[in-house]
Amino acid sequence: MNSNRIPCLLAAACAALTLGVGAAVLTGTSPAGWPYAEGGSDPQDETQLIVRRAQHNLLVMVAGHAAPLQPVQGARLRITQQPGPADQATPRPGYDRMLTGSWVLVDLPGGQYDVDLLHRGRLQRQPLSISPGEQPPALVFYVDGAQAAPD
């Protein structure tokens, strides 16, 4: 092996360990253009949550009473931006996904939002107001009768 490649491979391995590469964190951009990261289905995801929290202003966590630290099956998270006073538009969904883990990070622009969780036919809603540059406290949804996702 070329000795010049060893420092590059070592740096890549250190980055992978530091960032938890290979963990089950899903990243993307919502149809509204909001970057997100979803995780919590793997023990290494906690590191990703800590690393990525500074890049996203909203943290939503979903916990079942039976298994609070496990992903909840069948939970759908929807974040809808409410129109501002000058807008004549209707509310627009910006994030709408079935969750595969127990937490979601989303980077939202300033505004008014409804954060909805639908699980087993029960809708929970938490209104949210974010000022530009603000990082509000985490939103936590608890679901009754939830069972841990299978390994």
N, C-alpha and C. Protein backbone atom coordinates (compact mmCIF):
# COMPACT_ATOMS: atom_id res chain seq x y z
N MET A 1 0.85 -1.18 0.00
CA MET A 1 0.00 0.00 0.00
C MET A 1 0.89 1.23 0.00
N ASN A 2 0.52 2.22 -0.73
CA ASN A 2 1.24 3.48 -0.80
C ASN A 2 1.21 4.16 0.57
N SER A 3 2.39 4.53 1.09
CA SER A 3 2.48 5.12 2.43
C SER A 3 1.80 6.48 2.50
N ASN A 4 1.59 7.17 1.37
CA ASN A 4 0.89 8.45 1.37
C ASN A 4 -0.60 8.28 1.64
N ARG A 5 -1.14 7.10 1.37
CA ARG A 5 -2.57 6.86 1.56
C ARG A 5 -2.91 6.54 3.01
N ILE A 6 -1.92 6.11 3.79
CA ILE A 6 -2.18 5.71 5.17
C ILE A 6 -2.75 6.87 5.99
N PRO A 7 -2.16 8.10 5.96
CA PRO A 7 -2.75 9.19 6.74
C PRO A 7 -4.18 9.52 6.29
N CYS A 8 -4.47 9.41 5.00
CA CYS A 8 -5.82 9.68 4.51
C CYS A 8 -6.80 8.63 5.02
N LEU A 9 -6.41 7.37 4.99
CA LEU A 9 -7.27 6.31 5.49
C LEU A 9 -7.48 6.43 6.99
N LEU A 10 -6.41 6.79 7.72
CA LEU A 10 -6.53 6.97 9.16
C LEU A 10 -7.47 8.13 9.48
N ALA A 11 -7.37 9.22 8.75
CA ALA A 11 -8.26 10.37 8.96
C ALA A 11 -9.71 9.99 8.66
N ALA A 12 -9.94 9.22 7.60
CA ALA A 12 -11.29 8.79 7.26
C ALA A 12 -11.86 7.87 8.34
N ALA A 13 -11.03 6.99 8.86
CA ALA A 13 -11.49 6.08 9.92
C ALA A 13 -11.83 6.86 11.19
N CYS A 14 -11.02 7.85 11.54
CA CYS A 14 -11.30 8.67 12.72
C CYS A 14 -12.59 9.45 12.54
N ALA A 15 -12.79 10.00 11.36
CA ALA A 15 -14.04 10.73 11.08
C ALA A 15 -15.24 9.82 11.17
N ALA A 16 -15.12 8.61 10.65
CA ALA A 16 -16.23 7.66 10.70
C ALA A 16 -16.58 7.30 12.14
N LEU A 17 -15.56 7.11 12.98
CA LEU A 17 -15.82 6.80 14.38
C LEU A 17 -16.41 7.98 15.12
N THR A 18 -15.90 9.17 14.85
CA THR A 18 -16.38 10.38 15.51
C THR A 18 -17.82 10.68 15.12
N LEU A 19 -18.14 10.57 13.86
CA LEU A 19 -19.47 10.93 13.39
C LEU A 19 -20.44 9.76 13.41
N GLY A 20 -19.99 8.60 13.75
CA GLY A 20 -20.89 7.46 13.82
C GLY A 20 -21.34 7.00 12.45
N VAL A 21 -20.51 7.15 11.43
CA VAL A 21 -20.89 6.72 10.10
C VAL A 21 -21.21 5.24 10.14
N GLY A 22 -22.26 4.88 9.48
CA GLY A 22 -22.71 3.51 9.50
C GLY A 22 -23.90 3.34 10.43
N ALA A 23 -24.15 4.34 11.27
CA ALA A 23 -25.33 4.30 12.13
C ALA A 23 -26.56 4.50 11.26
N ALA A 24 -27.71 4.22 11.84
CA ALA A 24 -28.95 4.23 11.07
C ALA A 24 -29.60 5.61 11.02
N VAL A 25 -28.83 6.65 10.82
CA VAL A 25 -29.39 8.00 10.73
C VAL A 25 -29.70 8.30 9.27
N LEU A 26 -30.92 8.75 9.04
CA LEU A 26 -31.38 9.10 7.71
C LEU A 26 -31.36 10.62 7.59
N THR A 27 -30.74 11.15 6.54
CA THR A 27 -30.73 12.59 6.33
C THR A 27 -31.37 12.91 5.00
N GLY A 28 -31.87 14.12 4.88
CA GLY A 28 -32.47 14.53 3.63
C GLY A 28 -32.97 15.96 3.73
N THR A 29 -33.75 16.34 2.73
CA THR A 29 -34.37 17.65 2.68
C THR A 29 -35.85 17.44 2.38
N SER A 30 -36.70 18.08 3.16
CA SER A 30 -38.14 17.92 2.98
C SER A 30 -38.57 18.63 1.69
N PRO A 31 -39.80 18.37 1.22
CA PRO A 31 -40.28 19.06 0.01
C PRO A 31 -40.29 20.59 0.16
N ALA A 32 -40.37 21.09 1.40
CA ALA A 32 -40.34 22.53 1.64
C ALA A 32 -38.91 23.07 1.69
N GLY A 33 -37.91 22.18 1.56
CA GLY A 33 -36.52 22.61 1.59
C GLY A 33 -35.90 22.62 2.97
N TRP A 34 -36.51 21.94 3.92
CA TRP A 34 -35.99 21.91 5.28
C TRP A 34 -35.08 20.71 5.47
N PRO A 35 -33.80 20.93 5.79
CA PRO A 35 -32.90 19.80 6.06
C PRO A 35 -33.35 19.06 7.32
N TYR A 36 -33.23 17.74 7.29
CA TYR A 36 -33.61 16.95 8.46
C TYR A 36 -32.65 15.78 8.64
N ALA A 37 -32.66 15.26 9.85
CA ALA A 37 -31.94 14.03 10.19
C ALA A 37 -32.86 13.25 11.11
N GLU A 38 -32.99 11.97 10.84
CA GLU A 38 -33.88 11.11 11.62
C GLU A 38 -33.09 9.92 12.13
N GLY A 39 -33.23 9.62 13.41
CA GLY A 39 -32.49 8.50 13.98
C GLY A 39 -33.12 8.00 15.25
N GLY A 40 -32.35 7.18 15.96
CA GLY A 40 -32.83 6.63 17.21
C GLY A 40 -33.17 5.16 17.12
N SER A 41 -32.84 4.53 16.00
CA SER A 41 -33.11 3.11 15.87
C SER A 41 -31.85 2.27 16.12
N ASP A 42 -30.74 2.93 16.43
CA ASP A 42 -29.47 2.26 16.64
C ASP A 42 -28.78 2.94 17.83
N PRO A 43 -28.11 2.19 18.70
CA PRO A 43 -27.44 2.82 19.85
C PRO A 43 -26.43 3.90 19.47
N GLN A 44 -25.80 3.80 18.32
CA GLN A 44 -24.83 4.81 17.89
C GLN A 44 -25.49 6.12 17.47
N ASP A 45 -26.80 6.11 17.29
CA ASP A 45 -27.49 7.32 16.84
C ASP A 45 -27.41 8.46 17.85
N GLU A 46 -27.19 8.15 19.12
CA GLU A 46 -27.08 9.19 20.13
C GLU A 46 -25.92 10.14 19.80
N THR A 47 -24.83 9.59 19.33
CA THR A 47 -23.69 10.42 18.92
C THR A 47 -24.10 11.34 17.78
N GLN A 48 -24.84 10.80 16.81
CA GLN A 48 -25.30 11.60 15.68
C GLN A 48 -26.23 12.72 16.14
N LEU A 49 -27.09 12.41 17.10
CA LEU A 49 -28.00 13.43 17.63
C LEU A 49 -27.21 14.59 18.21
N ILE A 50 -26.19 14.28 18.99
CA ILE A 50 -25.37 15.32 19.61
C ILE A 50 -24.62 16.13 18.56
N VAL A 51 -24.03 15.44 17.58
CA VAL A 51 -23.24 16.12 16.54
C VAL A 51 -24.13 16.99 15.66
N ARG A 52 -25.30 16.50 15.30
CA ARG A 52 -26.16 17.20 14.35
C ARG A 52 -27.09 18.23 14.98
N ARG A 53 -27.25 18.22 16.29
CA ARG A 53 -28.20 19.12 16.95
C ARG A 53 -27.89 20.58 16.64
N ALA A 54 -26.65 20.96 16.57
CA ALA A 54 -26.28 22.36 16.30
C ALA A 54 -26.66 22.80 14.89
N GLN A 55 -26.88 21.86 13.98
CA GLN A 55 -27.21 22.19 12.59
C GLN A 55 -28.71 22.27 12.34
N HIS A 56 -29.53 21.94 13.34
CA HIS A 56 -30.98 21.92 13.19
C HIS A 56 -31.60 22.59 14.40
N ASN A 57 -32.61 23.42 14.19
CA ASN A 57 -33.16 24.15 15.33
C ASN A 57 -34.31 23.43 16.04
N LEU A 58 -34.86 22.37 15.48
CA LEU A 58 -35.96 21.67 16.13
C LEU A 58 -35.60 20.20 16.36
N LEU A 59 -35.82 19.75 17.59
CA LEU A 59 -35.68 18.34 17.94
C LEU A 59 -37.04 17.84 18.38
N VAL A 60 -37.52 16.78 17.72
CA VAL A 60 -38.77 16.13 18.09
C VAL A 60 -38.42 14.71 18.52
N MET A 61 -38.89 14.32 19.71
CA MET A 61 -38.65 12.97 20.21
C MET A 61 -39.99 12.27 20.42
N VAL A 62 -40.02 10.98 20.11
CA VAL A 62 -41.22 10.17 20.27
C VAL A 62 -40.86 9.00 21.17
N ALA A 63 -41.65 8.81 22.22
CA ALA A 63 -41.37 7.74 23.18
C ALA A 63 -42.64 6.98 23.52
N GLY A 64 -42.51 5.68 23.61
CA GLY A 64 -43.61 4.84 24.06
C GLY A 64 -43.46 4.59 25.54
N HIS A 65 -44.59 4.50 26.24
CA HIS A 65 -44.54 4.26 27.68
C HIS A 65 -43.94 2.89 28.00
N ALA A 66 -44.20 1.90 27.15
CA ALA A 66 -43.71 0.55 27.40
C ALA A 66 -42.20 0.43 27.18
N ALA A 67 -41.68 1.20 26.23
CA ALA A 67 -40.26 1.13 25.90
C ALA A 67 -39.79 2.53 25.49
N PRO A 68 -39.57 3.43 26.47
CA PRO A 68 -39.30 4.82 26.16
C PRO A 68 -38.05 5.09 25.34
N LEU A 69 -37.09 4.20 25.35
CA LEU A 69 -35.85 4.46 24.62
C LEU A 69 -35.80 3.74 23.28
N GLN A 70 -36.89 3.12 22.87
CA GLN A 70 -36.93 2.36 21.63
C GLN A 70 -37.74 3.11 20.57
N PRO A 71 -37.44 2.87 19.30
CA PRO A 71 -38.25 3.47 18.24
C PRO A 71 -39.70 2.99 18.34
N VAL A 72 -40.62 3.84 17.95
CA VAL A 72 -42.04 3.53 17.98
C VAL A 72 -42.50 3.18 16.56
N GLN A 73 -43.14 2.05 16.42
CA GLN A 73 -43.63 1.64 15.10
C GLN A 73 -44.92 2.37 14.76
N GLY A 74 -45.07 2.74 13.51
CA GLY A 74 -46.32 3.30 13.02
C GLY A 74 -46.58 4.74 13.40
N ALA A 75 -45.56 5.50 13.75
CA ALA A 75 -45.74 6.91 14.11
C ALA A 75 -45.45 7.79 12.89
N ARG A 76 -46.37 8.70 12.60
CA ARG A 76 -46.21 9.62 11.47
C ARG A 76 -46.06 11.03 12.03
N LEU A 77 -44.99 11.71 11.62
CA LEU A 77 -44.74 13.08 12.05
C LEU A 77 -45.01 14.03 10.89
N ARG A 78 -45.80 15.05 11.17
CA ARG A 78 -46.11 16.07 10.15
C ARG A 78 -45.87 17.45 10.76
N ILE A 79 -45.09 18.26 10.05
CA ILE A 79 -44.85 19.64 10.48
C ILE A 79 -45.43 20.54 9.40
N THR A 80 -46.37 21.39 9.81
CA THR A 80 -47.07 22.27 8.88
C THR A 80 -46.79 23.72 9.25
N GLN A 81 -46.32 24.48 8.28
CA GLN A 81 -46.06 25.90 8.52
C GLN A 81 -47.35 26.68 8.33
N GLN A 82 -47.69 27.49 9.32
CA GLN A 82 -48.90 28.32 9.24
C GLN A 82 -48.58 29.60 8.46
N PRO A 83 -49.55 30.09 7.69
CA PRO A 83 -49.29 31.32 6.93
C PRO A 83 -49.10 32.50 7.88
N GLY A 84 -48.22 33.40 7.47
CA GLY A 84 -47.98 34.61 8.25
C GLY A 84 -49.11 35.60 8.03
N PRO A 85 -49.10 36.74 8.77
CA PRO A 85 -50.18 37.72 8.65
C PRO A 85 -50.31 38.30 7.24
N ALA A 86 -49.22 38.41 6.52
CA ALA A 86 -49.27 38.97 5.18
C ALA A 86 -49.62 37.92 4.12
N ASP A 87 -49.55 36.65 4.50
CA ASP A 87 -49.81 35.57 3.54
C ASP A 87 -51.31 35.31 3.42
N GLN A 88 -51.75 35.05 2.22
CA GLN A 88 -53.13 34.66 1.98
C GLN A 88 -53.22 33.16 1.73
N ALA A 89 -52.09 32.50 1.81
CA ALA A 89 -52.03 31.07 1.50
C ALA A 89 -52.58 30.24 2.65
N THR A 90 -52.86 29.01 2.35
CA THR A 90 -53.28 28.06 3.38
C THR A 90 -52.03 27.45 4.00
N PRO A 91 -52.16 26.82 5.17
CA PRO A 91 -50.99 26.17 5.77
C PRO A 91 -50.37 25.18 4.80
N ARG A 92 -49.05 25.09 4.82
CA ARG A 92 -48.38 24.17 3.89
C ARG A 92 -47.56 23.14 4.66
N PRO A 93 -47.83 21.87 4.38
CA PRO A 93 -47.01 20.83 5.01
C PRO A 93 -45.58 20.94 4.51
N GLY A 94 -44.64 20.82 5.42
CA GLY A 94 -43.25 20.91 5.03
C GLY A 94 -42.47 19.65 5.32
N TYR A 95 -42.99 18.85 6.25
CA TYR A 95 -42.34 17.59 6.61
C TYR A 95 -43.47 16.62 6.94
N ASP A 96 -43.44 15.45 6.32
CA ASP A 96 -44.51 14.47 6.54
C ASP A 96 -43.92 13.09 6.26
N ARG A 97 -43.59 12.35 7.35
CA ARG A 97 -42.93 11.05 7.17
C ARG A 97 -43.36 10.07 8.26
N MET A 98 -43.35 8.80 7.90
CA MET A 98 -43.44 7.73 8.89
C MET A 98 -42.06 7.62 9.52
N LEU A 99 -42.01 7.61 10.83
CA LEU A 99 -40.72 7.60 11.52
C LEU A 99 -40.16 6.19 11.60
N THR A 100 -38.85 6.11 11.49
CA THR A 100 -38.16 4.83 11.65
C THR A 100 -37.34 4.81 12.93
N GLY A 101 -37.24 5.94 13.59
CA GLY A 101 -36.47 6.03 14.82
C GLY A 101 -37.27 6.75 15.88
N SER A 102 -36.56 7.19 16.92
CA SER A 102 -37.23 7.84 18.05
C SER A 102 -37.02 9.35 18.09
N TRP A 103 -36.24 9.89 17.15
CA TRP A 103 -36.05 11.34 17.12
C TRP A 103 -35.87 11.85 15.70
N VAL A 104 -36.21 13.14 15.53
CA VAL A 104 -36.05 13.84 14.25
C VAL A 104 -35.50 15.22 14.54
N LEU A 105 -34.51 15.63 13.79
CA LEU A 105 -34.00 17.00 13.80
C LEU A 105 -34.43 17.65 12.50
N VAL A 106 -34.97 18.87 12.58
CA VAL A 106 -35.37 19.60 11.38
C VAL A 106 -34.88 21.03 11.53
N ASP A 107 -34.39 21.61 10.46
CA ASP A 107 -33.97 23.01 10.47
C ASP A 107 -35.08 23.84 9.82
N LEU A 108 -35.86 24.52 10.66
CA LEU A 108 -37.02 25.28 10.19
C LEU A 108 -36.70 26.77 10.10
N PRO A 109 -37.28 27.45 9.10
CA PRO A 109 -37.17 28.91 9.10
C PRO A 109 -38.09 29.48 10.18
N GLY A 110 -37.88 30.73 10.55
CA GLY A 110 -38.74 31.36 11.54
C GLY A 110 -40.20 31.32 11.08
N GLY A 111 -41.11 31.15 12.03
CA GLY A 111 -42.53 31.12 11.69
C GLY A 111 -43.34 30.37 12.71
N GLN A 112 -44.62 30.16 12.36
CA GLN A 112 -45.57 29.44 13.20
C GLN A 112 -45.82 28.07 12.60
N TYR A 113 -45.84 27.04 13.44
CA TYR A 113 -45.97 25.67 12.95
C TYR A 113 -46.94 24.89 13.82
N ASP A 114 -47.53 23.87 13.22
CA ASP A 114 -48.20 22.81 13.96
C ASP A 114 -47.36 21.57 13.77
N VAL A 115 -46.99 20.93 14.88
CA VAL A 115 -46.22 19.70 14.84
C VAL A 115 -47.16 18.59 15.29
N ASP A 116 -47.50 17.70 14.37
CA ASP A 116 -48.48 16.65 14.62
C ASP A 116 -47.82 15.29 14.63
N LEU A 117 -48.27 14.45 15.55
CA LEU A 117 -47.86 13.06 15.57
C LEU A 117 -49.13 12.21 15.52
N LEU A 118 -49.19 11.32 14.56
CA LEU A 118 -50.31 10.41 14.42
C LEU A 118 -49.80 9.00 14.70
N HIS A 119 -50.42 8.35 15.69
CA HIS A 119 -50.02 6.99 16.05
C HIS A 119 -51.26 6.21 16.45
N ARG A 120 -51.52 5.12 15.74
CA ARG A 120 -52.67 4.25 16.01
C ARG A 120 -53.98 5.03 16.05
N GLY A 121 -54.15 5.94 15.10
CA GLY A 121 -55.39 6.70 14.99
C GLY A 121 -55.53 7.86 15.95
N ARG A 122 -54.55 8.08 16.80
CA ARG A 122 -54.60 9.19 17.76
C ARG A 122 -53.68 10.31 17.30
N LEU A 123 -54.24 11.50 17.17
CA LEU A 123 -53.48 12.67 16.75
C LEU A 123 -53.10 13.51 17.96
N GLN A 124 -51.83 13.84 18.05
CA GLN A 124 -51.34 14.79 19.06
C GLN A 124 -50.76 15.98 18.31
N ARG A 125 -51.06 17.18 18.78
CA ARG A 125 -50.57 18.40 18.12
C ARG A 125 -49.91 19.30 19.13
N GLN A 126 -48.76 19.84 18.73
CA GLN A 126 -48.08 20.84 19.54
C GLN A 126 -47.80 22.04 18.65
N PRO A 127 -48.38 23.20 18.98
CA PRO A 127 -48.06 24.41 18.22
C PRO A 127 -46.64 24.86 18.56
N LEU A 128 -46.01 25.50 17.59
CA LEU A 128 -44.62 25.91 17.76
C LEU A 128 -44.41 27.25 17.07
N SER A 129 -43.74 28.14 17.74
CA SER A 129 -43.35 29.42 17.18
C SER A 129 -41.84 29.52 17.26
N ILE A 130 -41.21 29.78 16.12
CA ILE A 130 -39.75 29.88 16.07
C ILE A 130 -39.37 31.23 15.49
N SER A 131 -38.53 31.95 16.20
CA SER A 131 -37.95 33.19 15.67
C SER A 131 -36.70 32.83 14.89
N PRO A 132 -36.34 33.63 13.88
CA PRO A 132 -35.12 33.32 13.12
C PRO A 132 -33.91 33.20 14.06
N GLY A 133 -33.15 32.14 13.88
CA GLY A 133 -31.96 31.89 14.69
C GLY A 133 -32.22 31.26 16.04
N GLU A 134 -33.48 31.03 16.39
CA GLU A 134 -33.82 30.46 17.69
C GLU A 134 -33.75 28.93 17.65
N GLN A 135 -33.39 28.35 18.79
CA GLN A 135 -33.42 26.90 18.94
C GLN A 135 -34.34 26.60 20.13
N PRO A 136 -35.62 26.29 19.84
CA PRO A 136 -36.57 26.06 20.93
C PRO A 136 -36.27 24.76 21.66
N PRO A 137 -36.88 24.57 22.85
CA PRO A 137 -36.71 23.30 23.55
C PRO A 137 -37.26 22.14 22.70
N ALA A 138 -36.78 20.96 22.98
CA ALA A 138 -37.24 19.78 22.26
C ALA A 138 -38.74 19.56 22.50
N LEU A 139 -39.42 19.05 21.48
CA LEU A 139 -40.80 18.62 21.62
C LEU A 139 -40.78 17.11 21.84
N VAL A 140 -41.54 16.65 22.83
CA VAL A 140 -41.59 15.22 23.12
C VAL A 140 -43.04 14.77 23.03
N PHE A 141 -43.26 13.71 22.26
CA PHE A 141 -44.57 13.08 22.16
C PHE A 141 -44.48 11.73 22.84
N TYR A 142 -45.45 11.44 23.71
CA TYR A 142 -45.56 10.13 24.34
C TYR A 142 -46.75 9.41 23.74
N VAL A 143 -46.56 8.16 23.39
CA VAL A 143 -47.64 7.39 22.79
C VAL A 143 -48.01 6.24 23.72
N ASP A 144 -49.29 6.07 23.94
CA ASP A 144 -49.80 5.00 24.81
C ASP A 144 -49.82 3.68 24.07
N GLY A 145 -49.56 2.64 24.79
CA GLY A 145 -49.68 1.31 24.23
C GLY A 145 -48.66 0.99 23.15
N ALA A 146 -47.62 1.82 23.02
CA ALA A 146 -46.62 1.57 21.98
C ALA A 146 -45.75 0.41 22.37
N GLN A 147 -45.30 -0.32 21.38
CA GLN A 147 -44.38 -1.41 21.61
C GLN A 147 -43.10 -1.10 20.87
N ALA A 148 -42.03 -1.60 21.40
CA ALA A 148 -40.73 -1.37 20.78
C ALA A 148 -40.69 -1.97 19.39
N ALA A 149 -39.98 -1.30 18.50
CA ALA A 149 -39.79 -1.83 17.16
C ALA A 149 -38.91 -3.08 17.23
N PRO A 150 -39.13 -4.07 16.37
CA PRO A 150 -38.30 -5.27 16.43
C PRO A 150 -36.87 -4.96 16.03
N ASP A 151 -35.94 -5.72 16.57
CA ASP A 151 -34.52 -5.53 16.23
C ASP A 151 -34.23 -6.01 14.84
